[in-house]
Structures are given as structure tokens and as C-alpha cells.
Amino acid sequence: MAMMVLPREEKLSQDEIVLGTKAVIQGLETLRGEHRALLAPLVAPEAGEAEPGSQERCILLRRSLEAIELGLGEAQVILALSSHLGAVESEKQKLRAQVRRLVQE
């Protein structure tokens, strides 16, 4: 898996993080679909005997699916946290404006 490395001085804005997270979610959802498509014929009951190594492939695909699901869950947490932080910031600005009005009175 490719990893993006940024210099220490460069910081991502919240919008950039959200956009990147949404792109990662799309990629992970596609990957999850591909893994499920690969896994389905391996676990489907068939009249014939299973291919050699199919059980090992099933195990590896399931592990990979678990990691993908974990990544999707973490990405959803990032999006929820971003939304919450936006709401908190909005409330903070509203309260500051209210304090300014009260001070002026």
C-alpha cells in the first residue's frame, strides 16, 4: 500500500483531510467489492472438490476484508470527527459574537 509522506512544515487543512478521506473511502469500498467477488466462489458450496490452496486464499481474503472494514470504519470516524469539530467551531464563533454584543451593552 502506498503511503503519502509530507514534510514536517506542510500541514493539511481540514478540507484537504476530508477530501483525502473521502477518496480513500471510495478506494476501500471498491477494493472491498473486489475482495467479496473473489471470495464468493471460494466459499460457495459446489459439487466438485475445492481447488488446492483455496482454503488459504479464503483465509487471506477474509483477513484482508477485515483490514479493509477497519480502514472504512476509521475513515468514517475521521469524517464524523471533522463534522463535529466544524459544529463546535461554529458554536464557538456564535458564542464569541454573543459575548461581543453583551460587552457593548
PDB file of N, CA and C in Angstrom:
ATOM      1  N   MET A   1       0.843  -1.168   0.000  1.00  0.00           N
ATOM      2  CA  MET A   1       0.000   0.000   0.000  1.00  0.00           C
ATOM      3  C   MET A   1       0.891   1.235   0.000  1.00  0.00           C
ATOM      4  N   ALA A   2       0.586   2.198  -0.859  1.00  0.00           N
ATOM      5  CA  ALA A   2       1.373   3.424  -0.944  1.00  0.00           C
ATOM      6  C   ALA A   2       1.043   4.328   0.230  1.00  0.00           C
ATOM      7  N   MET A   3       2.062   4.984   0.723  1.00  0.00           N
ATOM      8  CA  MET A   3       1.862   5.890   1.839  1.00  0.00           C
ATOM      9  C   MET A   3       2.375   7.266   1.435  1.00  0.00           C
ATOM     10  N   MET A   4       1.588   8.304   1.756  1.00  0.00           N
ATOM     11  CA  MET A   4       1.985   9.654   1.426  1.00  0.00           C
ATOM     12  C   MET A   4       2.784  10.228   2.590  1.00  0.00           C
ATOM     13  N   VAL A   5       3.981  10.702   2.312  1.00  0.00           N
ATOM     14  CA  VAL A   5       4.831  11.285   3.345  1.00  0.00           C
ATOM     15  C   VAL A   5       4.951  12.775   3.061  1.00  0.00           C
ATOM     16  N   LEU A   6       4.622  13.582   4.063  1.00  0.00           N
ATOM     17  CA  LEU A   6       4.689  15.024   3.914  1.00  0.00           C
ATOM     18  C   LEU A   6       5.828  15.585   4.750  1.00  0.00           C
ATOM     19  N   PRO A   7       6.435  16.658   4.275  1.00  0.00           N
ATOM     20  CA  PRO A   7       7.446  17.309   5.116  1.00  0.00           C
ATOM     21  C   PRO A   7       6.801  17.817   6.403  1.00  0.00           C
ATOM     22  N   ARG A   8       7.580  17.948   7.425  1.00  0.00           N
ATOM     23  CA  ARG A   8       7.050  18.365   8.726  1.00  0.00           C
ATOM     24  C   ARG A   8       6.384  19.731   8.674  1.00  0.00           C
ATOM     25  N   GLU A   9       6.896  20.652   7.858  1.00  0.00           N
ATOM     26  CA  GLU A   9       6.363  22.007   7.822  1.00  0.00           C
ATOM     27  C   GLU A   9       4.992  22.072   7.158  1.00  0.00           C
ATOM     28  N   GLU A  10       4.721  21.154   6.250  1.00  0.00           N
ATOM     29  CA  GLU A  10       3.473  21.188   5.496  1.00  0.00           C
ATOM     30  C   GLU A  10       2.358  20.520   6.295  1.00  0.00           C
ATOM     31  N   LYS A  11       1.289  21.285   6.521  1.00  0.00           N
ATOM     32  CA  LYS A  11       0.151  20.731   7.251  1.00  0.00           C
ATOM     33  C   LYS A  11      -1.068  20.760   6.340  1.00  0.00           C
ATOM     34  N   LEU A  12      -1.866  19.727   6.429  1.00  0.00           N
ATOM     35  CA  LEU A  12      -3.076  19.654   5.629  1.00  0.00           C
ATOM     36  C   LEU A  12      -4.197  20.408   6.326  1.00  0.00           C
ATOM     37  N   SER A  13      -5.017  21.085   5.537  1.00  0.00           N
ATOM     38  CA  SER A  13      -6.187  21.746   6.109  1.00  0.00           C
ATOM     39  C   SER A  13      -7.254  20.687   6.378  1.00  0.00           C
ATOM     40  N   GLN A  14      -8.235  21.083   7.146  1.00  0.00           N
ATOM     41  CA  GLN A  14      -9.321  20.149   7.461  1.00  0.00           C
ATOM     42  C   GLN A  14     -10.035  19.717   6.181  1.00  0.00           C
ATOM     43  N   ASP A  15     -10.237  20.654   5.252  1.00  0.00           N
ATOM     44  CA  ASP A  15     -10.897  20.318   3.987  1.00  0.00           C
ATOM     45  C   ASP A  15     -10.082  19.317   3.173  1.00  0.00           C
ATOM     46  N   GLU A  16      -8.765  19.488   3.164  1.00  0.00           N
ATOM     47  CA  GLU A  16      -7.903  18.552   2.438  1.00  0.00           C
ATOM     48  C   GLU A  16      -7.960  17.163   3.062  1.00  0.00           C
ATOM     49  N   ILE A  17      -8.012  17.114   4.371  1.00  0.00           N
ATOM     50  CA  ILE A  17      -8.108  15.822   5.060  1.00  0.00           C
ATOM     51  C   ILE A  17      -9.428  15.143   4.730  1.00  0.00           C
ATOM     52  N   VAL A  18     -10.515  15.920   4.743  1.00  0.00           N
ATOM     53  CA  VAL A  18     -11.836  15.353   4.437  1.00  0.00           C
ATOM     54  C   VAL A  18     -11.876  14.846   2.997  1.00  0.00           C
ATOM     55  N   LEU A  19     -11.357  15.645   2.060  1.00  0.00           N
ATOM     56  CA  LEU A  19     -11.345  15.212   0.656  1.00  0.00           C
ATOM     57  C   LEU A  19     -10.504  13.951   0.475  1.00  0.00           C
ATOM     58  N   GLY A  20      -9.347  13.920   1.110  1.00  0.00           N
ATOM     59  CA  GLY A  20      -8.499  12.734   1.035  1.00  0.00           C
ATOM     60  C   GLY A  20      -9.167  11.517   1.645  1.00  0.00           C
ATOM     61  N   THR A  21      -9.844  11.723   2.758  1.00  0.00           N
ATOM     62  CA  THR A  21     -10.534  10.620   3.428  1.00  0.00           C
ATOM     63  C   THR A  21     -11.662  10.076   2.560  1.00  0.00           C
ATOM     64  N   LYS A  22     -12.401  10.975   1.915  1.00  0.00           N
ATOM     65  CA  LYS A  22     -13.486  10.532   1.033  1.00  0.00           C
ATOM     66  C   LYS A  22     -12.933   9.738  -0.151  1.00  0.00           C
ATOM     67  N   ALA A  23     -11.791  10.157  -0.672  1.00  0.00           N
ATOM     68  CA  ALA A  23     -11.160   9.421  -1.775  1.00  0.00           C
ATOM     69  C   ALA A  23     -10.717   8.037  -1.303  1.00  0.00           C
ATOM     70  N   VAL A  24     -10.172   7.976  -0.099  1.00  0.00           N
ATOM     71  CA  VAL A  24      -9.747   6.688   0.466  1.00  0.00           C
ATOM     72  C   VAL A  24     -10.956   5.779   0.663  1.00  0.00           C
ATOM     73  N   ILE A  25     -12.071   6.339   1.134  1.00  0.00           N
ATOM     74  CA  ILE A  25     -13.289   5.542   1.331  1.00  0.00           C
ATOM     75  C   ILE A  25     -13.731   4.930   0.007  1.00  0.00           C
ATOM     76  N   GLN A  26     -13.726   5.726  -1.058  1.00  0.00           N
ATOM     77  CA  GLN A  26     -14.127   5.198  -2.367  1.00  0.00           C
ATOM     78  C   GLN A  26     -13.215   4.055  -2.798  1.00  0.00           C
ATOM     79  N   GLY A  27     -11.924   4.242  -2.620  1.00  0.00           N
ATOM     80  CA  GLY A  27     -10.979   3.194  -2.987  1.00  0.00           C
ATOM     81  C   GLY A  27     -11.169   1.932  -2.163  1.00  0.00           C
ATOM     82  N   LEU A  28     -11.383   2.103  -0.864  1.00  0.00           N
ATOM     83  CA  LEU A  28     -11.578   0.938   0.006  1.00  0.00           C
ATOM     84  C   LEU A  28     -12.885   0.216  -0.306  1.00  0.00           C
ATOM     85  N   GLU A  29     -13.933   0.974  -0.637  1.00  0.00           N
ATOM     86  CA  GLU A  29     -15.202   0.332  -0.995  1.00  0.00           C
ATOM     87  C   GLU A  29     -15.055  -0.478  -2.284  1.00  0.00           C
ATOM     88  N   THR A  30     -14.318   0.051  -3.239  1.00  0.00           N
ATOM     89  CA  THR A  30     -14.055  -0.685  -4.481  1.00  0.00           C
ATOM     90  C   THR A  30     -13.263  -1.953  -4.182  1.00  0.00           C
ATOM     91  N   LEU A  31     -12.232  -1.803  -3.375  1.00  0.00           N
ATOM     92  CA  LEU A  31     -11.395  -2.949  -3.008  1.00  0.00           C
ATOM     93  C   LEU A  31     -12.205  -4.006  -2.258  1.00  0.00           C
ATOM     94  N   ARG A  32     -13.097  -3.555  -1.367  1.00  0.00           N
ATOM     95  CA  ARG A  32     -13.952  -4.489  -0.627  1.00  0.00           C
ATOM     96  C   ARG A  32     -14.841  -5.274  -1.591  1.00  0.00           C
ATOM     97  N   GLY A  33     -15.404  -4.585  -2.575  1.00  0.00           N
ATOM     98  CA  GLY A  33     -16.236  -5.262  -3.570  1.00  0.00           C
ATOM     99  C   GLY A  33     -15.455  -6.302  -4.360  1.00  0.00           C
ATOM    100  N   GLU A  34     -14.239  -5.956  -4.735  1.00  0.00           N
ATOM    101  CA  GLU A  34     -13.392  -6.903  -5.470  1.00  0.00           C
ATOM    102  C   GLU A  34     -13.054  -8.117  -4.607  1.00  0.00           C
ATOM    103  N   HIS A  35     -12.740  -7.880  -3.347  1.00  0.00           N
ATOM    104  CA  HIS A  35     -12.418  -8.991  -2.442  1.00  0.00           C
ATOM    105  C   HIS A  35     -13.634  -9.905  -2.243  1.00  0.00           C
ATOM    106  N   ARG A  36     -14.804  -9.295  -2.092  1.00  0.00           N
ATOM    107  CA  ARG A  36     -16.023 -10.106  -1.926  1.00  0.00           C
ATOM    108  C   ARG A  36     -16.297 -10.937  -3.174  1.00  0.00           C
ATOM    109  N   ALA A  37     -16.062 -10.335  -4.341  1.00  0.00           N
ATOM    110  CA  ALA A  37     -16.267 -11.069  -5.595  1.00  0.00           C
ATOM    111  C   ALA A  37     -15.290 -12.237  -5.712  1.00  0.00           C
ATOM    112  N   LEU A  38     -14.068 -12.045  -5.241  1.00  0.00           N
ATOM    113  CA  LEU A  38     -13.091 -13.136  -5.265  1.00  0.00           C
ATOM    114  C   LEU A  38     -13.426 -14.217  -4.243  1.00  0.00           C
ATOM    115  N   LEU A  39     -13.970 -13.807  -3.112  1.00  0.00           N
ATOM    116  CA  LEU A  39     -14.249 -14.747  -2.033  1.00  0.00           C
ATOM    117  C   LEU A  39     -15.506 -15.580  -2.294  1.00  0.00           C
ATOM    118  N   ALA A  40     -16.503 -14.993  -2.941  1.00  0.00           N
ATOM    119  CA  ALA A  40     -17.790 -15.669  -3.137  1.00  0.00           C
ATOM    120  C   ALA A  40     -17.669 -17.052  -3.778  1.00  0.00           C
ATOM    121  N   PRO A  41     -16.973 -17.202  -4.895  1.00  0.00           N
ATOM    122  CA  PRO A  41     -16.897 -18.545  -5.488  1.00  0.00           C
ATOM    123  C   PRO A  41     -16.085 -19.533  -4.642  1.00  0.00           C
ATOM    124  N   LEU A  42     -15.212 -19.020  -3.797  1.00  0.00           N
ATOM    125  CA  LEU A  42     -14.397 -19.912  -2.966  1.00  0.00           C
ATOM    126  C   LEU A  42     -15.192 -20.506  -1.809  1.00  0.00           C
ATOM    127  N   VAL A  43     -16.189 -19.773  -1.340  1.00  0.00           N
ATOM    128  CA  VAL A  43     -16.965 -20.262  -0.199  1.00  0.00           C
ATOM    129  C   VAL A  43     -18.301 -20.858  -0.622  1.00  0.00           C
ATOM    130  N   ALA A  44     -18.677 -20.703  -1.895  1.00  0.00           N
ATOM    131  CA  ALA A  44     -19.945 -21.255  -2.377  1.00  0.00           C
ATOM    132  C   ALA A  44     -19.859 -22.778  -2.401  1.00  0.00           C
ATOM    133  N   PRO A  45     -20.898 -23.423  -1.885  1.00  0.00           N
ATOM    134  CA  PRO A  45     -20.886 -24.893  -1.919  1.00  0.00           C
ATOM    135  C   PRO A  45     -21.022 -25.390  -3.363  1.00  0.00           C
ATOM    136  N   GLU A  46     -20.116 -26.240  -3.754  1.00  0.00           N
ATOM    137  CA  GLU A  46     -20.125 -26.779  -5.117  1.00  0.00           C
ATOM    138  C   GLU A  46     -20.066 -28.298  -5.061  1.00  0.00           C
ATOM    139  N   ALA A  47     -20.485 -28.903  -6.148  1.00  0.00           N
ATOM    140  CA  ALA A  47     -20.477 -30.369  -6.207  1.00  0.00           C
ATOM    141  C   ALA A  47     -19.050 -30.900  -6.272  1.00  0.00           C
ATOM    142  N   GLY A  48     -18.188 -30.172  -6.958  1.00  0.00           N
ATOM    143  CA  GLY A  48     -16.800 -30.609  -7.116  1.00  0.00           C
ATOM    144  C   GLY A  48     -15.964 -30.301  -5.887  1.00  0.00           C
ATOM    145  N   GLU A  49     -14.776 -30.836  -5.913  1.00  0.00           N
ATOM    146  CA  GLU A  49     -13.852 -30.601  -4.802  1.00  0.00           C
ATOM    147  C   GLU A  49     -13.191 -29.234  -4.968  1.00  0.00           C
ATOM    148  N   ALA A  50     -12.846 -28.617  -3.862  1.00  0.00           N
ATOM    149  CA  ALA A  50     -12.230 -27.288  -3.877  1.00  0.00           C
ATOM    150  C   ALA A  50     -10.828 -27.355  -4.480  1.00  0.00           C
ATOM    151  N   GLU A  51     -10.422 -26.249  -5.076  1.00  0.00           N
ATOM    152  CA  GLU A  51      -9.070 -26.152  -5.641  1.00  0.00           C
ATOM    153  C   GLU A  51      -8.034 -26.252  -4.533  1.00  0.00           C
ATOM    154  N   PRO A  52      -6.861 -26.761  -4.865  1.00  0.00           N
ATOM    155  CA  PRO A  52      -5.796 -26.762  -3.858  1.00  0.00           C
ATOM    156  C   PRO A  52      -5.423 -25.319  -3.503  1.00  0.00           C
ATOM    157  N   GLY A  53      -5.301 -25.065  -2.234  1.00  0.00           N
ATOM    158  CA  GLY A  53      -4.938 -23.729  -1.775  1.00  0.00           C
ATOM    159  C   GLY A  53      -6.102 -22.772  -1.636  1.00  0.00           C
ATOM    160  N   SER A  54      -7.318 -23.227  -1.953  1.00  0.00           N
ATOM    161  CA  SER A  54      -8.459 -22.308  -1.880  1.00  0.00           C
ATOM    162  C   SER A  54      -8.778 -21.924  -0.434  1.00  0.00           C
ATOM    163  N   GLN A  55      -8.539 -22.843   0.490  1.00  0.00           N
ATOM    164  CA  GLN A  55      -8.795 -22.511   1.893  1.00  0.00           C
ATOM    165  C   GLN A  55      -7.839 -21.414   2.366  1.00  0.00           C
ATOM    166  N   GLU A  56      -6.584 -21.517   1.957  1.00  0.00           N
ATOM    167  CA  GLU A  56      -5.608 -20.489   2.328  1.00  0.00           C
ATOM    168  C   GLU A  56      -5.987 -19.148   1.703  1.00  0.00           C
ATOM    169  N   ARG A  57      -6.441 -19.187   0.448  1.00  0.00           N
ATOM    170  CA  ARG A  57      -6.884 -17.954  -0.212  1.00  0.00           C
ATOM    171  C   ARG A  57      -8.074 -17.348   0.520  1.00  0.00           C
ATOM    172  N   CYS A  58      -9.003 -18.196   0.978  1.00  0.00           N
ATOM    173  CA  CYS A  58     -10.162 -17.712   1.740  1.00  0.00           C
ATOM    174  C   CYS A  58      -9.713 -16.999   3.012  1.00  0.00           C
ATOM    175  N   ILE A  59      -8.785 -17.609   3.709  1.00  0.00           N
ATOM    176  CA  ILE A  59      -8.284 -17.024   4.956  1.00  0.00           C
ATOM    177  C   ILE A  59      -7.636 -15.668   4.678  1.00  0.00           C
ATOM    178  N   LEU A  60      -6.804 -15.611   3.649  1.00  0.00           N
ATOM    179  CA  LEU A  60      -6.126 -14.356   3.316  1.00  0.00           C
ATOM    180  C   LEU A  60      -7.115 -13.281   2.875  1.00  0.00           C
ATOM    181  N   LEU A  61      -8.107 -13.675   2.077  1.00  0.00           N
ATOM    182  CA  LEU A  61      -9.116 -12.708   1.637  1.00  0.00           C
ATOM    183  C   LEU A  61      -9.937 -12.192   2.815  1.00  0.00           C
ATOM    184  N   ARG A  62     -10.269 -13.085   3.734  1.00  0.00           N
ATOM    185  CA  ARG A  62     -11.042 -12.652   4.910  1.00  0.00           C
ATOM    186  C   ARG A  62     -10.233 -11.700   5.787  1.00  0.00           C
ATOM    187  N   ARG A  63      -8.954 -12.005   5.971  1.00  0.00           N
ATOM    188  CA  ARG A  63      -8.089 -11.093   6.747  1.00  0.00           C
ATOM    189  C   ARG A  63      -8.013  -9.729   6.074  1.00  0.00           C
ATOM    190  N   SER A  64      -7.848  -9.759   4.777  1.00  0.00           N
ATOM    191  CA  SER A  64      -7.772  -8.509   4.030  1.00  0.00           C
ATOM    192  C   SER A  64      -9.089  -7.740   4.130  1.00  0.00           C
ATOM    193  N   LEU A  65     -10.210  -8.455   4.046  1.00  0.00           N
ATOM    194  CA  LEU A  65     -11.519  -7.813   4.192  1.00  0.00           C
ATOM    195  C   LEU A  65     -11.674  -7.182   5.570  1.00  0.00           C
ATOM    196  N   GLU A  66     -11.184  -7.861   6.598  1.00  0.00           N
ATOM    197  CA  GLU A  66     -11.247  -7.297   7.950  1.00  0.00           C
ATOM    198  C   GLU A  66     -10.455  -5.998   8.023  1.00  0.00           C
ATOM    199  N   ALA A  67      -9.275  -5.979   7.413  1.00  0.00           N
ATOM    200  CA  ALA A  67      -8.445  -4.767   7.414  1.00  0.00           C
ATOM    201  C   ALA A  67      -9.128  -3.645   6.625  1.00  0.00           C
ATOM    202  N   ILE A  68      -9.766  -4.001   5.526  1.00  0.00           N
ATOM    203  CA  ILE A  68     -10.489  -3.010   4.725  1.00  0.00           C
ATOM    204  C   ILE A  68     -11.645  -2.436   5.533  1.00  0.00           C
ATOM    205  N   GLU A  69     -12.403  -3.306   6.199  1.00  0.00           N
ATOM    206  CA  GLU A  69     -13.523  -2.851   7.032  1.00  0.00           C
ATOM    207  C   GLU A  69     -13.028  -1.937   8.150  1.00  0.00           C
ATOM    208  N   LEU A  70     -11.900  -2.288   8.744  1.00  0.00           N
ATOM    209  CA  LEU A  70     -11.318  -1.448   9.790  1.00  0.00           C
ATOM    210  C   LEU A  70     -10.963  -0.073   9.221  1.00  0.00           C
ATOM    211  N   GLY A  71     -10.344  -0.062   8.066  1.00  0.00           N
ATOM    212  CA  GLY A  71      -9.996   1.206   7.421  1.00  0.00           C
ATOM    213  C   GLY A  71     -11.221   2.043   7.106  1.00  0.00           C
ATOM    214  N   LEU A  72     -12.283   1.395   6.632  1.00  0.00           N
ATOM    215  CA  LEU A  72     -13.526   2.118   6.351  1.00  0.00           C
ATOM    216  C   LEU A  72     -14.119   2.693   7.633  1.00  0.00           C
ATOM    217  N   GLY A  73     -14.089   1.915   8.696  1.00  0.00           N
ATOM    218  CA  GLY A  73     -14.602   2.404   9.975  1.00  0.00           C
ATOM    219  C   GLY A  73     -13.810   3.591  10.478  1.00  0.00           C
ATOM    220  N   GLU A  74     -12.495   3.511  10.366  1.00  0.00           N
ATOM    221  CA  GLU A  74     -11.647   4.616  10.817  1.00  0.00           C
ATOM    222  C   GLU A  74     -11.875   5.862   9.963  1.00  0.00           C
ATOM    223  N   ALA A  75     -12.075   5.675   8.674  1.00  0.00           N
ATOM    224  CA  ALA A  75     -12.344   6.815   7.797  1.00  0.00           C
ATOM    225  C   ALA A  75     -13.673   7.470   8.162  1.00  0.00           C
ATOM    226  N   GLN A  76     -14.676   6.655   8.498  1.00  0.00           N
ATOM    227  CA  GLN A  76     -15.964   7.211   8.921  1.00  0.00           C
ATOM    228  C   GLN A  76     -15.814   7.998  10.218  1.00  0.00           C
ATOM    229  N   VAL A  77     -14.965   7.517  11.115  1.00  0.00           N
ATOM    230  CA  VAL A  77     -14.709   8.242  12.366  1.00  0.00           C
ATOM    231  C   VAL A  77     -14.062   9.590  12.056  1.00  0.00           C
ATOM    232  N   ILE A  78     -13.119   9.614  11.127  1.00  0.00           N
ATOM    233  CA  ILE A  78     -12.467  10.870  10.750  1.00  0.00           C
ATOM    234  C   ILE A  78     -13.496  11.856  10.205  1.00  0.00           C
ATOM    235  N   LEU A  79     -14.400  11.384   9.345  1.00  0.00           N
ATOM    236  CA  LEU A  79     -15.426  12.270   8.793  1.00  0.00           C
ATOM    237  C   LEU A  79     -16.376  12.768   9.876  1.00  0.00           C
ATOM    238  N   ALA A  80     -16.766  11.880  10.783  1.00  0.00           N
ATOM    239  CA  ALA A  80     -17.658  12.285  11.875  1.00  0.00           C
ATOM    240  C   ALA A  80     -16.967  13.291  12.789  1.00  0.00           C
ATOM    241  N   LEU A  81     -15.699  13.057  13.073  1.00  0.00           N
ATOM    242  CA  LEU A  81     -14.938  13.976  13.916  1.00  0.00           C
ATOM    243  C   LEU A  81     -14.811  15.343  13.243  1.00  0.00           C
ATOM    244  N   SER A  82     -14.556  15.352  11.958  1.00  0.00           N
ATOM    245  CA  SER A  82     -14.456  16.606  11.222  1.00  0.00           C
ATOM    246  C   SER A  82     -15.773  17.373  11.278  1.00  0.00           C
ATOM    247  N   SER A  83     -16.863  16.665  11.098  1.00  0.00           N
ATOM    248  CA  SER A  83     -18.183  17.288  11.168  1.00  0.00           C
ATOM    249  C   SER A  83     -18.430  17.867  12.559  1.00  0.00           C
ATOM    250  N   HIS A  84     -18.082  17.102  13.572  1.00  0.00           N
ATOM    251  CA  HIS A  84     -18.269  17.555  14.953  1.00  0.00           C
ATOM    252  C   HIS A  84     -17.406  18.787  15.236  1.00  0.00           C
ATOM    253  N   LEU A  85     -16.148  18.753  14.806  1.00  0.00           N
ATOM    254  CA  LEU A  85     -15.260  19.901  15.025  1.00  0.00           C
ATOM    255  C   LEU A  85     -15.784  21.146  14.307  1.00  0.00           C
ATOM    256  N   GLY A  86     -16.350  20.958  13.132  1.00  0.00           N
ATOM    257  CA  GLY A  86     -16.955  22.083  12.417  1.00  0.00           C
ATOM    258  C   GLY A  86     -18.120  22.672  13.184  1.00  0.00           C
ATOM    259  N   ALA A  87     -18.955  21.802  13.763  1.00  0.00           N
ATOM    260  CA  ALA A  87     -20.093  22.270  14.554  1.00  0.00           C
ATOM    261  C   ALA A  87     -19.617  22.992  15.811  1.00  0.00           C
ATOM    262  N   VAL A  88     -18.584  22.468  16.455  1.00  0.00           N
ATOM    263  CA  VAL A  88     -18.038  23.102  17.661  1.00  0.00           C
ATOM    264  C   VAL A  88     -17.461  24.472  17.311  1.00  0.00           C
ATOM    265  N   GLU A  89     -16.738  24.555  16.210  1.00  0.00           N
ATOM    266  CA  GLU A  89     -16.158  25.838  15.789  1.00  0.00           C
ATOM    267  C   GLU A  89     -17.257  26.850  15.486  1.00  0.00           C
ATOM    268  N   SER A  90     -18.308  26.413  14.841  1.00  0.00           N
ATOM    269  CA  SER A  90     -19.431  27.293  14.534  1.00  0.00           C
ATOM    270  C   SER A  90     -20.079  27.804  15.818  1.00  0.00           C
ATOM    271  N   GLU A  91     -20.281  26.919  16.761  1.00  0.00           N
ATOM    272  CA  GLU A  91     -20.869  27.305  18.050  1.00  0.00           C
ATOM    273  C   GLU A  91     -19.947  28.282  18.782  1.00  0.00           C
ATOM    274  N   LYS A  92     -18.652  28.046  18.716  1.00  0.00           N
ATOM    275  CA  LYS A  92     -17.681  28.933  19.370  1.00  0.00           C
ATOM    276  C   LYS A  92     -17.759  30.339  18.774  1.00  0.00           C
ATOM    277  N   GLN A  93     -17.837  30.424  17.452  1.00  0.00           N
ATOM    278  CA  GLN A  93     -17.945  31.731  16.797  1.00  0.00           C
ATOM    279  C   GLN A  93     -19.241  32.435  17.191  1.00  0.00           C
ATOM    280  N   LYS A  94     -20.307  31.670  17.274  1.00  0.00           N
ATOM    281  CA  LYS A  94     -21.597  32.241  17.666  1.00  0.00           C
ATOM    282  C   LYS A  94     -21.528  32.790  19.089  1.00  0.00           C
ATOM    283  N   LEU A  95     -20.913  32.046  19.984  1.00  0.00           N
ATOM    284  CA  LEU A  95     -20.787  32.490  21.373  1.00  0.00           C
ATOM    285  C   LEU A  95     -19.878  33.717  21.486  1.00  0.00           C
ATOM    286  N   ARG A  96     -18.817  33.768  20.704  1.00  0.00           N
ATOM    287  CA  ARG A  96     -17.940  34.949  20.719  1.00  0.00           C
ATOM    288  C   ARG A  96     -18.692  36.196  20.261  1.00  0.00           C
ATOM    289  N   ALA A  97     -19.496  36.044  19.225  1.00  0.00           N
ATOM    290  CA  ALA A  97     -20.292  37.176  18.743  1.00  0.00           C
ATOM    291  C   ALA A  97     -21.277  37.618  19.818  1.00  0.00           C
ATOM    292  N   GLN A  98     -21.846  36.664  20.510  1.00  0.00           N
ATOM    293  CA  GLN A  98     -22.791  36.974  21.580  1.00  0.00           C
ATOM    294  C   GLN A  98     -22.079  37.713  22.720  1.00  0.00           C
ATOM    295  N   VAL A  99     -20.879  37.286  23.062  1.00  0.00           N
ATOM    296  CA  VAL A  99     -20.100  37.952  24.112  1.00  0.00           C
ATOM    297  C   VAL A  99     -19.783  39.387  23.685  1.00  0.00           C
ATOM    298  N   ARG A 100     -19.404  39.584  22.429  1.00  0.00           N
ATOM    299  CA  ARG A 100     -19.114  40.943  21.948  1.00  0.00           C
ATOM    300  C   ARG A 100     -20.342  41.839  22.067  1.00  0.00           C
ATOM    301  N   ARG A 101     -21.503  41.311  21.717  1.00  0.00           N
ATOM    302  CA  ARG A 101     -22.733  42.103  21.841  1.00  0.00           C
ATOM    303  C   ARG A 101     -23.018  42.449  23.292  1.00  0.00           C
ATOM    304  N   LEU A 102     -22.811  41.484  24.181  1.00  0.00           N
ATOM    305  CA  LEU A 102     -23.065  41.737  25.602  1.00  0.00           C
ATOM    306  C   LEU A 102     -22.084  42.758  26.170  1.00  0.00           C
ATOM    307  N   VAL A 103     -20.844  42.710  25.745  1.00  0.00           N
ATOM    308  CA  VAL A 103     -19.834  43.662  26.228  1.00  0.00           C
ATOM    309  C   VAL A 103     -20.180  45.074  25.758  1.00  0.00           C
ATOM    310  N   GLN A 104     -20.705  45.191  24.565  1.00  0.00           N
ATOM    311  CA  GLN A 104     -21.056  46.506  24.025  1.00  0.00           C
ATOM    312  C   GLN A 104     -22.255  47.121  24.730  1.00  0.00           C
ATOM    313  N   GLU A 105     -23.107  46.326  25.328  1.00  0.00           N
ATOM    314  CA  GLU A 105     -24.303  46.851  26.005  1.00  0.00           C
ATOM    315  C   GLU A 105     -23.991  47.491  27.318  1.00  0.00           C
TER     316      GLU A 105
END
